[in-house]
Amino acid sequence: MVNYPNAKRASLSKSPILKKKAVNFANRGMSFETLINDSNTYYLSREIAVIHKKPTPVQIVKVDYPRRSRAKIVEAYFRQASTTDYSGVYKGHYIDFEAKETRQTTSMPLKNFHAHQIDHMASVVKQGGICFVLLHFSSLKETYLLPAEPLISFYQIDQGGKSMPLSYIREHGFEIPLQSFPSVPYLDVVDRHLIGGN
């Protein structure tokens, strides 16, 4: 069981039907994350950039040892609220970004962005870092890089209580055509629009 910083406890149902749904829901964004990770491996192997997924800081509290080789974590807590998914260095610039995926076709729900993440992005921008979100609309097969500034502005309207329209993302962001190598060539957009090709 994982417990969140606000002391709410995660509950797991014993129903096999609910367990199956929970597994499918948890893996919903995995394919997009895998594409980003593959892209980062591509960039690293060619010495283009060093960008990694940040580990989630977890404090393990209780471990069950049914057998010596089968240790199972049964209770853990997030040590602190997470910031963004990825960070690293590209052409001497600090890069920091979050990735989100949705099946919706007209908007990106902002309920998965938290105030501490928005504050973190604002701090990165204030320090001169390059900060953005990668937004993937799986039903449309469209991916966008949205710089942190328009995300922060939109989020501050009602503290993330509503969804961000796709029209807003298209107006303020940049579409990223998915390809083979790298799968999500987001650094092309960073080059052309965020650091001016330096």
N, C-alpha and C. Protein backbone atom coordinates (compact mmCIF):
# COMPACT_ATOMS: atom_id res chain seq x y z
N MET A 1 0.84 -1.17 0.00
CA MET A 1 0.00 0.00 0.00
C MET A 1 0.89 1.24 0.00
N VAL A 2 0.55 2.22 -0.84
CA VAL A 2 1.31 3.47 -0.91
C VAL A 2 0.46 4.56 -0.30
N ASN A 3 1.06 5.36 0.56
CA ASN A 3 0.35 6.45 1.20
C ASN A 3 0.90 7.78 0.71
N TYR A 4 0.02 8.73 0.46
CA TYR A 4 0.39 10.00 -0.12
C TYR A 4 0.73 11.02 0.96
N PRO A 5 1.45 12.10 0.59
CA PRO A 5 1.90 13.08 1.58
C PRO A 5 0.78 13.72 2.39
N ASN A 6 -0.44 13.81 1.85
CA ASN A 6 -1.52 14.45 2.58
C ASN A 6 -2.20 13.49 3.55
N ALA A 7 -1.55 12.36 3.82
CA ALA A 7 -1.98 11.36 4.80
C ALA A 7 -3.16 10.53 4.33
N LYS A 8 -3.61 10.70 3.08
CA LYS A 8 -4.65 9.83 2.56
C LYS A 8 -4.02 8.49 2.24
N ARG A 9 -4.74 7.44 2.53
CA ARG A 9 -4.24 6.10 2.28
C ARG A 9 -4.87 5.57 1.00
N ALA A 10 -4.06 4.95 0.18
CA ALA A 10 -4.58 4.31 -1.02
C ALA A 10 -5.30 3.04 -0.61
N SER A 11 -6.45 2.77 -1.21
CA SER A 11 -7.17 1.54 -0.87
C SER A 11 -7.20 0.62 -2.08
N LEU A 12 -7.08 -0.64 -1.82
CA LEU A 12 -7.11 -1.63 -2.88
C LEU A 12 -8.33 -2.51 -2.67
N SER A 13 -9.11 -2.68 -3.70
CA SER A 13 -10.28 -3.53 -3.61
C SER A 13 -9.88 -4.98 -3.82
N LYS A 14 -10.61 -5.88 -3.20
CA LYS A 14 -10.33 -7.30 -3.38
C LYS A 14 -11.09 -7.87 -4.57
N SER A 15 -11.92 -7.07 -5.20
CA SER A 15 -12.69 -7.54 -6.35
C SER A 15 -11.79 -7.71 -7.56
N PRO A 16 -11.81 -8.90 -8.21
CA PRO A 16 -10.96 -9.11 -9.38
C PRO A 16 -11.31 -8.17 -10.53
N ILE A 17 -12.59 -7.79 -10.64
CA ILE A 17 -13.00 -6.89 -11.72
C ILE A 17 -12.37 -5.52 -11.51
N LEU A 18 -12.44 -5.00 -10.28
CA LEU A 18 -11.85 -3.69 -10.00
C LEU A 18 -10.34 -3.73 -10.12
N LYS A 19 -9.73 -4.84 -9.73
CA LYS A 19 -8.28 -4.94 -9.86
C LYS A 19 -7.89 -4.87 -11.32
N LYS A 20 -8.63 -5.54 -12.19
CA LYS A 20 -8.30 -5.53 -13.61
C LYS A 20 -8.41 -4.11 -14.17
N LYS A 21 -9.48 -3.40 -13.79
CA LYS A 21 -9.63 -2.02 -14.25
C LYS A 21 -8.50 -1.15 -13.74
N ALA A 22 -8.11 -1.32 -12.49
CA ALA A 22 -7.03 -0.52 -11.92
C ALA A 22 -5.73 -0.74 -12.67
N VAL A 23 -5.44 -1.97 -13.04
CA VAL A 23 -4.22 -2.26 -13.78
C VAL A 23 -4.26 -1.60 -15.14
N ASN A 24 -5.39 -1.72 -15.83
CA ASN A 24 -5.51 -1.10 -17.15
C ASN A 24 -5.38 0.42 -17.06
N PHE A 25 -6.00 1.02 -16.05
CA PHE A 25 -5.93 2.47 -15.89
C PHE A 25 -4.49 2.91 -15.60
N ALA A 26 -3.80 2.17 -14.77
CA ALA A 26 -2.43 2.54 -14.41
C ALA A 26 -1.50 2.46 -15.59
N ASN A 27 -1.76 1.54 -16.50
CA ASN A 27 -0.88 1.36 -17.65
C ASN A 27 -1.29 2.20 -18.86
N ARG A 28 -2.33 3.02 -18.69
CA ARG A 28 -2.87 3.76 -19.81
C ARG A 28 -1.82 4.65 -20.46
N GLY A 29 -0.98 5.33 -19.68
CA GLY A 29 0.01 6.23 -20.24
C GLY A 29 1.36 5.60 -20.46
N MET A 30 1.49 4.31 -20.23
CA MET A 30 2.79 3.66 -20.29
C MET A 30 3.41 3.71 -21.68
N SER A 31 2.60 3.56 -22.74
CA SER A 31 3.18 3.53 -24.07
C SER A 31 3.82 4.87 -24.43
N PHE A 32 3.19 5.97 -24.06
CA PHE A 32 3.77 7.29 -24.34
C PHE A 32 5.05 7.48 -23.54
N GLU A 33 5.01 7.08 -22.27
CA GLU A 33 6.21 7.16 -21.44
C GLU A 33 7.35 6.32 -22.02
N THR A 34 7.03 5.15 -22.53
CA THR A 34 8.04 4.29 -23.15
C THR A 34 8.66 4.97 -24.37
N LEU A 35 7.83 5.63 -25.17
CA LEU A 35 8.35 6.36 -26.34
C LEU A 35 9.30 7.48 -25.91
N ILE A 36 8.96 8.18 -24.85
CA ILE A 36 9.83 9.26 -24.35
C ILE A 36 11.14 8.66 -23.83
N ASN A 37 11.03 7.58 -23.06
CA ASN A 37 12.24 6.94 -22.54
C ASN A 37 13.14 6.45 -23.67
N ASP A 38 12.54 5.87 -24.71
CA ASP A 38 13.32 5.42 -25.87
C ASP A 38 14.00 6.60 -26.56
N SER A 39 13.29 7.72 -26.64
CA SER A 39 13.87 8.93 -27.25
C SER A 39 15.05 9.42 -26.43
N ASN A 40 14.91 9.40 -25.11
CA ASN A 40 16.00 9.84 -24.25
C ASN A 40 17.21 8.91 -24.37
N THR A 41 16.97 7.61 -24.52
CA THR A 41 18.06 6.66 -24.73
C THR A 41 18.76 6.95 -26.05
N TYR A 42 17.98 7.26 -27.08
CA TYR A 42 18.53 7.63 -28.39
C TYR A 42 19.42 8.87 -28.25
N TYR A 43 18.90 9.92 -27.59
CA TYR A 43 19.68 11.16 -27.41
C TYR A 43 20.96 10.90 -26.61
N LEU A 44 20.87 10.09 -25.58
CA LEU A 44 22.03 9.80 -24.74
C LEU A 44 23.09 9.00 -25.51
N SER A 45 22.64 7.98 -26.25
CA SER A 45 23.59 7.12 -26.97
C SER A 45 24.35 7.86 -28.07
N ARG A 46 23.76 8.95 -28.56
CA ARG A 46 24.42 9.75 -29.61
C ARG A 46 25.04 11.03 -29.05
N GLU A 47 25.09 11.12 -27.73
CA GLU A 47 25.67 12.27 -27.03
C GLU A 47 25.04 13.59 -27.44
N ILE A 48 23.72 13.54 -27.67
CA ILE A 48 22.96 14.74 -28.02
C ILE A 48 22.49 15.45 -26.76
N ALA A 49 22.02 14.67 -25.78
CA ALA A 49 21.50 15.23 -24.52
C ALA A 49 21.55 14.16 -23.45
N VAL A 50 21.52 14.61 -22.20
CA VAL A 50 21.46 13.70 -21.05
C VAL A 50 20.19 14.05 -20.29
N ILE A 51 19.14 13.28 -20.55
CA ILE A 51 17.84 13.53 -19.92
C ILE A 51 17.30 12.21 -19.39
N HIS A 52 16.90 12.20 -18.12
CA HIS A 52 16.44 10.97 -17.48
C HIS A 52 15.11 11.18 -16.78
N LYS A 53 14.38 10.10 -16.62
CA LYS A 53 13.15 10.11 -15.81
C LYS A 53 13.56 10.18 -14.34
N LYS A 54 12.91 11.06 -13.60
CA LYS A 54 13.23 11.21 -12.18
C LYS A 54 12.61 10.05 -11.39
N PRO A 55 13.36 9.49 -10.45
CA PRO A 55 12.77 8.45 -9.61
C PRO A 55 11.78 9.06 -8.62
N THR A 56 10.75 8.30 -8.28
CA THR A 56 9.78 8.76 -7.29
C THR A 56 10.32 8.44 -5.90
N PRO A 57 10.48 9.45 -5.04
CA PRO A 57 11.03 9.21 -3.70
C PRO A 57 10.03 8.50 -2.78
N VAL A 58 10.30 7.23 -2.49
CA VAL A 58 9.39 6.43 -1.68
C VAL A 58 10.11 5.93 -0.43
N GLN A 59 9.43 6.01 0.70
CA GLN A 59 9.95 5.48 1.97
C GLN A 59 9.24 4.15 2.23
N ILE A 60 10.00 3.06 2.21
CA ILE A 60 9.43 1.74 2.47
C ILE A 60 9.29 1.57 3.98
N VAL A 61 8.08 1.19 4.42
CA VAL A 61 7.79 1.07 5.84
C VAL A 61 7.67 -0.40 6.27
N LYS A 62 7.03 -1.21 5.43
CA LYS A 62 6.79 -2.59 5.83
C LYS A 62 7.03 -3.52 4.64
N VAL A 63 7.78 -4.58 4.90
CA VAL A 63 8.09 -5.58 3.86
C VAL A 63 7.68 -6.95 4.38
N ASP A 64 7.01 -7.72 3.54
CA ASP A 64 6.61 -9.08 3.88
C ASP A 64 7.59 -10.04 3.22
N TYR A 65 8.11 -10.98 3.98
CA TYR A 65 9.07 -11.96 3.47
C TYR A 65 8.48 -13.37 3.52
N PRO A 66 7.56 -13.72 2.59
CA PRO A 66 7.02 -15.08 2.62
C PRO A 66 8.10 -16.12 2.37
N ARG A 67 9.04 -15.76 1.53
CA ARG A 67 10.23 -16.57 1.28
C ARG A 67 11.39 -15.61 1.09
N ARG A 68 12.57 -16.09 1.29
CA ARG A 68 13.75 -15.23 1.20
C ARG A 68 13.86 -14.55 -0.16
N SER A 69 13.51 -15.25 -1.23
CA SER A 69 13.65 -14.70 -2.58
C SER A 69 12.41 -13.95 -3.05
N ARG A 70 11.37 -13.85 -2.21
CA ARG A 70 10.11 -13.24 -2.64
C ARG A 70 9.68 -12.09 -1.74
N ALA A 71 10.56 -11.16 -1.45
CA ALA A 71 10.21 -10.01 -0.61
C ALA A 71 9.14 -9.18 -1.31
N LYS A 72 8.16 -8.71 -0.52
CA LYS A 72 7.05 -7.94 -1.08
C LYS A 72 6.83 -6.70 -0.22
N ILE A 73 6.85 -5.53 -0.86
CA ILE A 73 6.58 -4.27 -0.15
C ILE A 73 5.07 -4.20 0.09
N VAL A 74 4.66 -4.09 1.34
CA VAL A 74 3.23 -4.04 1.66
C VAL A 74 2.78 -2.66 2.15
N GLU A 75 3.72 -1.80 2.52
CA GLU A 75 3.36 -0.45 2.92
C GLU A 75 4.52 0.50 2.63
N ALA A 76 4.19 1.62 1.99
CA ALA A 76 5.21 2.62 1.67
C ALA A 76 4.55 3.99 1.61
N TYR A 77 5.36 5.03 1.76
CA TYR A 77 4.88 6.40 1.72
C TYR A 77 5.73 7.20 0.74
N PHE A 78 5.09 8.14 0.04
CA PHE A 78 5.86 9.08 -0.75
C PHE A 78 6.57 10.00 0.22
N ARG A 79 7.89 10.13 0.09
CA ARG A 79 8.65 10.99 1.01
C ARG A 79 8.31 12.45 0.83
N GLN A 80 8.07 12.82 -0.41
CA GLN A 80 7.74 14.22 -0.72
C GLN A 80 6.92 14.23 -1.99
N ALA A 81 6.24 15.33 -2.24
CA ALA A 81 5.46 15.45 -3.46
C ALA A 81 6.40 15.50 -4.65
N SER A 82 6.04 14.80 -5.71
CA SER A 82 6.91 14.77 -6.89
C SER A 82 6.83 16.09 -7.64
N THR A 83 7.84 16.38 -8.43
CA THR A 83 7.84 17.63 -9.20
C THR A 83 7.42 17.30 -10.63
N THR A 84 8.37 17.12 -11.52
CA THR A 84 8.05 16.77 -12.90
C THR A 84 8.69 15.41 -13.23
N ASP A 85 8.35 14.87 -14.39
CA ASP A 85 8.78 13.52 -14.76
C ASP A 85 10.25 13.42 -15.18
N TYR A 86 10.74 14.42 -15.92
CA TYR A 86 12.05 14.32 -16.55
C TYR A 86 12.89 15.57 -16.33
N SER A 87 14.21 15.37 -16.29
CA SER A 87 15.13 16.52 -16.24
C SER A 87 16.48 16.10 -16.80
N GLY A 88 17.25 17.12 -17.21
CA GLY A 88 18.57 16.84 -17.74
C GLY A 88 19.20 18.07 -18.36
N VAL A 89 20.17 17.83 -19.25
CA VAL A 89 20.94 18.91 -19.87
C VAL A 89 20.98 18.71 -21.38
N TYR A 90 20.78 19.82 -22.09
CA TYR A 90 20.84 19.81 -23.56
C TYR A 90 21.51 21.10 -24.02
N LYS A 91 22.63 20.98 -24.72
CA LYS A 91 23.37 22.14 -25.23
C LYS A 91 23.64 23.18 -24.14
N GLY A 92 23.96 22.72 -22.95
CA GLY A 92 24.26 23.62 -21.85
C GLY A 92 23.04 24.19 -21.15
N HIS A 93 21.86 23.78 -21.54
CA HIS A 93 20.62 24.27 -20.95
C HIS A 93 20.00 23.20 -20.05
N TYR A 94 19.50 23.63 -18.90
CA TYR A 94 18.77 22.72 -18.03
C TYR A 94 17.38 22.50 -18.62
N ILE A 95 16.99 21.23 -18.77
CA ILE A 95 15.69 20.85 -19.34
C ILE A 95 14.87 20.17 -18.24
N ASP A 96 13.60 20.54 -18.12
CA ASP A 96 12.74 19.96 -17.10
C ASP A 96 11.34 19.87 -17.71
N PHE A 97 10.74 18.66 -17.70
CA PHE A 97 9.40 18.55 -18.29
C PHE A 97 8.57 17.43 -17.69
N GLU A 98 7.27 17.59 -17.89
CA GLU A 98 6.26 16.63 -17.46
C GLU A 98 5.64 16.04 -18.73
N ALA A 99 5.12 14.82 -18.64
CA ALA A 99 4.45 14.18 -19.77
C ALA A 99 3.07 13.72 -19.33
N LYS A 100 2.06 14.00 -20.18
CA LYS A 100 0.68 13.59 -19.89
C LYS A 100 0.07 13.01 -21.16
N GLU A 101 -0.82 12.05 -20.94
CA GLU A 101 -1.51 11.41 -22.06
C GLU A 101 -3.00 11.36 -21.75
N THR A 102 -3.83 11.52 -22.78
CA THR A 102 -5.27 11.41 -22.61
C THR A 102 -5.89 10.75 -23.83
N ARG A 103 -7.04 10.13 -23.62
CA ARG A 103 -7.82 9.58 -24.74
C ARG A 103 -8.83 10.59 -25.23
N GLN A 104 -9.01 11.69 -24.51
CA GLN A 104 -9.96 12.71 -24.93
C GLN A 104 -9.52 13.32 -26.25
N THR A 105 -10.47 13.87 -26.98
CA THR A 105 -10.15 14.40 -28.31
C THR A 105 -10.28 15.92 -28.40
N THR A 106 -10.78 16.57 -27.36
CA THR A 106 -10.98 18.02 -27.44
C THR A 106 -10.24 18.81 -26.36
N SER A 107 -9.72 18.11 -25.34
CA SER A 107 -9.05 18.84 -24.25
C SER A 107 -8.13 17.92 -23.46
N MET A 108 -7.25 18.55 -22.67
CA MET A 108 -6.35 17.82 -21.76
C MET A 108 -6.80 18.12 -20.33
N PRO A 109 -7.23 17.10 -19.58
CA PRO A 109 -7.65 17.35 -18.20
C PRO A 109 -6.48 17.87 -17.36
N LEU A 110 -6.72 18.90 -16.58
CA LEU A 110 -5.67 19.47 -15.75
C LEU A 110 -5.70 18.92 -14.32
N LYS A 111 -6.64 18.02 -14.02
CA LYS A 111 -6.72 17.48 -12.66
C LYS A 111 -5.47 16.69 -12.29
N ASN A 112 -4.71 16.22 -13.29
CA ASN A 112 -3.48 15.47 -13.00
C ASN A 112 -2.27 16.36 -12.78
N PHE A 113 -2.43 17.66 -12.98
CA PHE A 113 -1.37 18.61 -12.63
C PHE A 113 -1.67 19.12 -11.23
N HIS A 114 -0.66 19.15 -10.39
CA HIS A 114 -0.85 19.61 -9.02
C HIS A 114 -0.17 20.96 -8.82
N ALA A 115 -0.66 21.71 -7.85
CA ALA A 115 -0.14 23.06 -7.61
C ALA A 115 1.36 23.06 -7.37
N HIS A 116 1.89 22.05 -6.66
CA HIS A 116 3.34 22.03 -6.40
C HIS A 116 4.13 21.79 -7.68
N GLN A 117 3.54 21.08 -8.65
CA GLN A 117 4.22 20.90 -9.94
C GLN A 117 4.26 22.21 -10.72
N ILE A 118 3.15 22.93 -10.71
CA ILE A 118 3.10 24.23 -11.39
C ILE A 118 4.09 25.19 -10.75
N ASP A 119 4.16 25.21 -9.42
CA ASP A 119 5.13 26.07 -8.71
C ASP A 119 6.56 25.68 -9.10
N HIS A 120 6.83 24.38 -9.20
CA HIS A 120 8.16 23.91 -9.59
C HIS A 120 8.51 24.41 -10.98
N MET A 121 7.57 24.28 -11.92
CA MET A 121 7.82 24.74 -13.30
C MET A 121 8.09 26.23 -13.33
N ALA A 122 7.32 26.99 -12.56
CA ALA A 122 7.52 28.44 -12.51
C ALA A 122 8.91 28.77 -11.97
N SER A 123 9.37 28.01 -11.00
CA SER A 123 10.71 28.23 -10.43
C SER A 123 11.80 27.91 -11.46
N VAL A 124 11.61 26.85 -12.23
CA VAL A 124 12.58 26.48 -13.27
C VAL A 124 12.68 27.60 -14.31
N VAL A 125 11.53 28.09 -14.75
CA VAL A 125 11.51 29.18 -15.74
C VAL A 125 12.18 30.42 -15.17
N LYS A 126 11.90 30.74 -13.91
CA LYS A 126 12.49 31.93 -13.27
C LYS A 126 14.01 31.83 -13.22
N GLN A 127 14.55 30.62 -13.09
CA GLN A 127 16.00 30.42 -13.04
C GLN A 127 16.63 30.29 -14.42
N GLY A 128 15.83 30.45 -15.48
CA GLY A 128 16.36 30.40 -16.84
C GLY A 128 16.40 29.01 -17.44
N GLY A 129 15.78 28.03 -16.78
CA GLY A 129 15.72 26.68 -17.35
C GLY A 129 14.66 26.57 -18.42
N ILE A 130 14.77 25.54 -19.23
CA ILE A 130 13.77 25.27 -20.26
C ILE A 130 12.78 24.27 -19.67
N CYS A 131 11.52 24.68 -19.58
CA CYS A 131 10.50 23.86 -18.94
C CYS A 131 9.27 23.79 -19.83
N PHE A 132 8.70 22.59 -19.92
CA PHE A 132 7.54 22.39 -20.79
C PHE A 132 6.82 21.12 -20.39
N VAL A 133 5.70 20.86 -21.07
CA VAL A 133 4.99 19.59 -20.93
C VAL A 133 4.83 18.97 -22.30
N LEU A 134 4.93 17.64 -22.35
CA LEU A 134 4.62 16.89 -23.56
C LEU A 134 3.23 16.32 -23.37
N LEU A 135 2.32 16.66 -24.28
CA LEU A 135 0.92 16.25 -24.17
C LEU A 135 0.57 15.35 -25.35
N HIS A 136 0.12 14.15 -25.03
CA HIS A 136 -0.19 13.17 -26.08
C HIS A 136 -1.68 12.85 -26.08
N PHE A 137 -2.32 13.05 -27.22
CA PHE A 137 -3.72 12.71 -27.42
C PHE A 137 -3.75 11.39 -28.17
N SER A 138 -3.89 10.30 -27.43
CA SER A 138 -3.74 8.97 -28.03
C SER A 138 -4.81 8.66 -29.07
N SER A 139 -6.05 9.11 -28.86
CA SER A 139 -7.11 8.84 -29.83
C SER A 139 -6.87 9.58 -31.14
N LEU A 140 -6.28 10.76 -31.06
CA LEU A 140 -6.00 11.56 -32.25
C LEU A 140 -4.63 11.25 -32.85
N LYS A 141 -3.80 10.55 -32.06
CA LYS A 141 -2.40 10.30 -32.46
C LYS A 141 -1.67 11.61 -32.70
N GLU A 142 -1.88 12.57 -31.79
CA GLU A 142 -1.23 13.88 -31.86
C GLU A 142 -0.47 14.14 -30.57
N THR A 143 0.72 14.71 -30.72
CA THR A 143 1.57 15.03 -29.57
C THR A 143 2.02 16.48 -29.68
N TYR A 144 2.01 17.18 -28.55
CA TYR A 144 2.38 18.60 -28.53
C TYR A 144 3.38 18.88 -27.43
N LEU A 145 4.26 19.81 -27.69
CA LEU A 145 5.12 20.39 -26.67
C LEU A 145 4.51 21.74 -26.32
N LEU A 146 4.10 21.90 -25.07
CA LEU A 146 3.54 23.16 -24.60
C LEU A 146 4.51 23.77 -23.60
N PRO A 147 5.09 24.95 -23.90
CA PRO A 147 6.00 25.58 -22.94
C PRO A 147 5.31 25.82 -21.60
N ALA A 148 6.09 25.90 -20.54
CA ALA A 148 5.54 26.03 -19.19
C ALA A 148 4.72 27.30 -19.01
N GLU A 149 5.13 28.41 -19.62
CA GLU A 149 4.46 29.69 -19.38
C GLU A 149 2.97 29.65 -19.71
N PRO A 150 2.56 29.18 -20.92
CA PRO A 150 1.12 29.15 -21.18
C PRO A 150 0.38 28.13 -20.31
N LEU A 151 1.04 27.05 -19.93
CA LEU A 151 0.42 26.09 -19.01
C LEU A 151 0.16 26.75 -17.66
N ILE A 152 1.17 27.44 -17.14
CA ILE A 152 1.05 28.11 -15.84
C ILE A 152 -0.07 29.15 -15.89
N SER A 153 -0.11 29.95 -16.96
CA SER A 153 -1.15 30.98 -17.10
C SER A 153 -2.54 30.37 -17.10
N PHE A 154 -2.71 29.28 -17.86
CA PHE A 154 -4.02 28.65 -17.94
C PHE A 154 -4.40 28.01 -16.61
N TYR A 155 -3.45 27.37 -15.97
CA TYR A 155 -3.70 26.69 -14.69
C TYR A 155 -4.14 27.69 -13.61
N GLN A 156 -3.56 28.89 -13.64
CA GLN A 156 -3.85 29.88 -12.61
C GLN A 156 -5.26 30.47 -12.72
N ILE A 157 -5.94 30.24 -13.83
CA ILE A 157 -7.31 30.76 -13.98
C ILE A 157 -8.21 30.22 -12.88
N ASP A 158 -8.15 28.90 -12.66
CA ASP A 158 -8.98 28.31 -11.60
C ASP A 158 -8.26 27.18 -10.88
N GLN A 159 -6.94 27.30 -10.77
CA GLN A 159 -6.11 26.30 -10.08
C GLN A 159 -6.30 24.89 -10.64
N GLY A 160 -6.40 24.81 -11.96
CA GLY A 160 -6.43 23.51 -12.61
C GLY A 160 -7.75 22.79 -12.51
N GLY A 161 -8.83 23.50 -12.22
CA GLY A 161 -10.13 22.86 -12.03
C GLY A 161 -10.80 22.41 -13.30
N LYS A 162 -10.34 22.89 -14.45
CA LYS A 162 -11.00 22.47 -15.69
C LYS A 162 -9.98 21.93 -16.68
N SER A 163 -10.46 21.52 -17.81
CA SER A 163 -9.57 20.98 -18.83
C SER A 163 -9.06 22.08 -19.75
N MET A 164 -7.87 21.85 -20.31
CA MET A 164 -7.29 22.80 -21.25
C MET A 164 -7.72 22.41 -22.67
N PRO A 165 -8.42 23.29 -23.39
CA PRO A 165 -8.89 22.94 -24.73
C PRO A 165 -7.72 22.65 -25.68
N LEU A 166 -7.95 21.72 -26.57
CA LEU A 166 -6.95 21.39 -27.58
C LEU A 166 -6.64 22.61 -28.43
N SER A 167 -7.62 23.46 -28.65
CA SER A 167 -7.39 24.68 -29.45
C SER A 167 -6.36 25.58 -28.78
N TYR A 168 -6.39 25.66 -27.45
CA TYR A 168 -5.41 26.46 -26.70
C TYR A 168 -4.02 25.84 -26.84
N ILE A 169 -3.95 24.53 -26.74
CA ILE A 169 -2.67 23.82 -26.87
C ILE A 169 -2.09 24.02 -28.26
N ARG A 170 -2.94 23.93 -29.28
CA ARG A 170 -2.48 24.15 -30.67
C ARG A 170 -2.01 25.58 -30.89
N GLU A 171 -2.68 26.53 -30.23
CA GLU A 171 -2.32 27.95 -30.39
C GLU A 171 -1.00 28.28 -29.71
N HIS A 172 -0.75 27.71 -28.53
CA HIS A 172 0.42 28.08 -27.73
C HIS A 172 1.53 27.03 -27.74
N GLY A 173 1.24 25.86 -28.29
CA GLY A 173 2.22 24.78 -28.30
C GLY A 173 2.72 24.46 -29.71
N PHE A 174 3.46 23.37 -29.80
CA PHE A 174 4.07 22.96 -31.06
C PHE A 174 3.84 21.46 -31.24
N GLU A 175 3.29 21.09 -32.40
CA GLU A 175 3.03 19.68 -32.64
C GLU A 175 4.35 18.94 -32.90
N ILE A 176 4.43 17.73 -32.39
CA ILE A 176 5.61 16.88 -32.58
C ILE A 176 5.17 15.65 -33.35
N PRO A 177 5.58 15.52 -34.61
CA PRO A 177 5.23 14.31 -35.35
C PRO A 177 6.04 13.12 -34.83
N LEU A 178 5.35 12.05 -34.43
CA LEU A 178 6.05 10.87 -33.95
C LEU A 178 6.73 10.19 -35.13
N GLN A 179 7.89 9.59 -34.87
CA GLN A 179 8.67 8.95 -35.92
C GLN A 179 9.38 7.74 -35.35
N SER A 180 10.35 7.20 -36.11
CA SER A 180 11.04 5.98 -35.65
C SER A 180 12.17 6.30 -34.66
N PHE A 181 13.14 7.10 -35.07
CA PHE A 181 14.29 7.39 -34.21
C PHE A 181 14.62 8.88 -34.25
N PRO A 182 14.51 9.57 -33.15
CA PRO A 182 13.88 9.18 -31.90
C PRO A 182 12.36 9.16 -32.05
N SER A 183 11.69 8.39 -31.23
CA SER A 183 10.24 8.22 -31.33
C SER A 183 9.49 9.53 -31.14
N VAL A 184 9.91 10.30 -30.12
CA VAL A 184 9.30 11.61 -29.83
C VAL A 184 10.42 12.65 -29.93
N PRO A 185 10.61 13.23 -31.13
CA PRO A 185 11.74 14.15 -31.33
C PRO A 185 11.49 15.54 -30.76
N TYR A 186 11.28 15.61 -29.45
CA TYR A 186 10.93 16.88 -28.81
C TYR A 186 12.08 17.88 -28.81
N LEU A 187 13.33 17.40 -28.91
CA LEU A 187 14.44 18.35 -28.92
C LEU A 187 14.49 19.17 -30.21
N ASP A 188 13.88 18.67 -31.28
CA ASP A 188 13.77 19.47 -32.52
C ASP A 188 12.96 20.73 -32.23
N VAL A 189 11.88 20.58 -31.48
CA VAL A 189 11.03 21.73 -31.13
C VAL A 189 11.78 22.65 -30.16
N VAL A 190 12.49 22.07 -29.21
CA VAL A 190 13.29 22.87 -28.27
C VAL A 190 14.29 23.71 -29.06
N ASP A 191 14.96 23.09 -30.03
CA ASP A 191 15.93 23.81 -30.86
C ASP A 191 15.29 24.97 -31.61
N ARG A 192 14.18 24.68 -32.30
CA ARG A 192 13.58 25.69 -33.17
C ARG A 192 12.85 26.78 -32.43
N HIS A 193 12.23 26.46 -31.30
CA HIS A 193 11.32 27.44 -30.69
C HIS A 193 11.70 27.89 -29.27
N LEU A 194 12.49 27.11 -28.54
CA LEU A 194 12.78 27.48 -27.16
C LEU A 194 14.18 28.01 -26.94
N ILE A 195 15.14 27.56 -27.75
CA ILE A 195 16.51 28.12 -27.61
C ILE A 195 17.00 28.73 -28.91
N GLY A 196 16.13 28.82 -29.90
CA GLY A 196 16.45 29.52 -31.14
C GLY A 196 17.57 28.89 -31.95
N GLY A 197 17.75 27.58 -31.83
CA GLY A 197 18.73 26.90 -32.66
C GLY A 197 20.16 27.08 -32.19
N ASN A 198 20.36 27.61 -30.99
CA ASN A 198 21.73 27.80 -30.48
C ASN A 198 22.42 26.47 -30.24
